[in-house]
Amino acid sequence: MNSAIDAIKALLPNNPTLVDIGAAKGDFTSDFLESFPGAEALLFEPTRESVIVLLERFRGNTRVKIFGHALGNVKGTGALHSYRQSEDNSLLNSLVQDAESSENRVKVETLDDFLALPGMLSRVDMIKIDTQGTDLKVLEGARKTIQKHQPFIVAEAIFVPLYAGQDSYYGILDFMRQQEYRLAGILETHCTREGLLAFADLFFMPEKIYLRFCSSQTYGEFICVDASYLSEQNRVLGRACHERLDLIERLQKVADERLRLINELSKIAEERLSVIHTLDAEVKNLKGGTRPHGGS
């Protein structure tokens, strides 16, 4: 997700604040801190094993606070379903047939209620959400925070049925529209083997910032980032490279043959030059042995 951070780097303050919901092993936060070493971050991750990893990864950084809660749109408890890959853990049942899970009760908070507690962030510059099918519920529980702080937001949208009762991506888009946000990027796009869109991270900007950002851009040349298009371009480039390499190899063979002929001609020339030197020496010897005739 570096692309999301890079896109707004100039729009964030020097020491921004991040709320990372569904932090997993902390990769997004780590990238964020790399760009902003002085940033503050609140990380929410209900998986115990992942919390241990996070505590170790950010040990010594007093600006990073880690909480073992799940977030949603109501306060209470929920059943966390844990799967073989911890990144797939969710408050929802997986619809993947071979998914094996265990279940643990976890505390569920809303972001609005949590940030109202003493000692929490006084401002929120960015929110990243990746909760495997419940991202809309997290957004609904952060409505006041969004309206007050107008943070940049990254949320995961799932397009194929992966979890029972998963939030609709239409619902996410409609919610963000109601908050006067614009979709500014689609990141980490994944497809099925058949090419169907499976899931992706949606990057949202407040509409006012988005329009101001767009007005500062000069349009005219665009970059295609579609994976299939780029793959085809790579194949075309690969064919061109192979053709040129083949041409280079053929030219090399011609050059080698000409070099061989040049070497042979050089040897012949050296032999002939040697003969000339020999003849020249004999001529000099003959001239040196001639005596003038005279009478006595």
Foldseek 3Di string as FASTA:
>chain_A
DLVLCVVCVVVADLAAEEEEALCQLPPVVVSVCVSRVNYAYEYEAQDPVSQVNNCVVCPPPPRYHYDNAHEFQDWDKAKWWAWPDRLQIASFAWPPVPTDTDIDIGTYYAPVVVCVDPPHDPAHAEYEHRHNQRQLRNCNSCVVNCLVHQHKYKYKAFDDRTTVNGDHVVSVVVVCVVSQKDFDDWAPWDADPVGHTGMTITIIGRNVVVVVVVVPDDDDDDDDPDPVVVVVVVVVVVVVVVVVVVVVVVVVVVVVVVVVVVVVVVVVVVVVVVVVVVVVVVVVVVVVPDDDDDDD
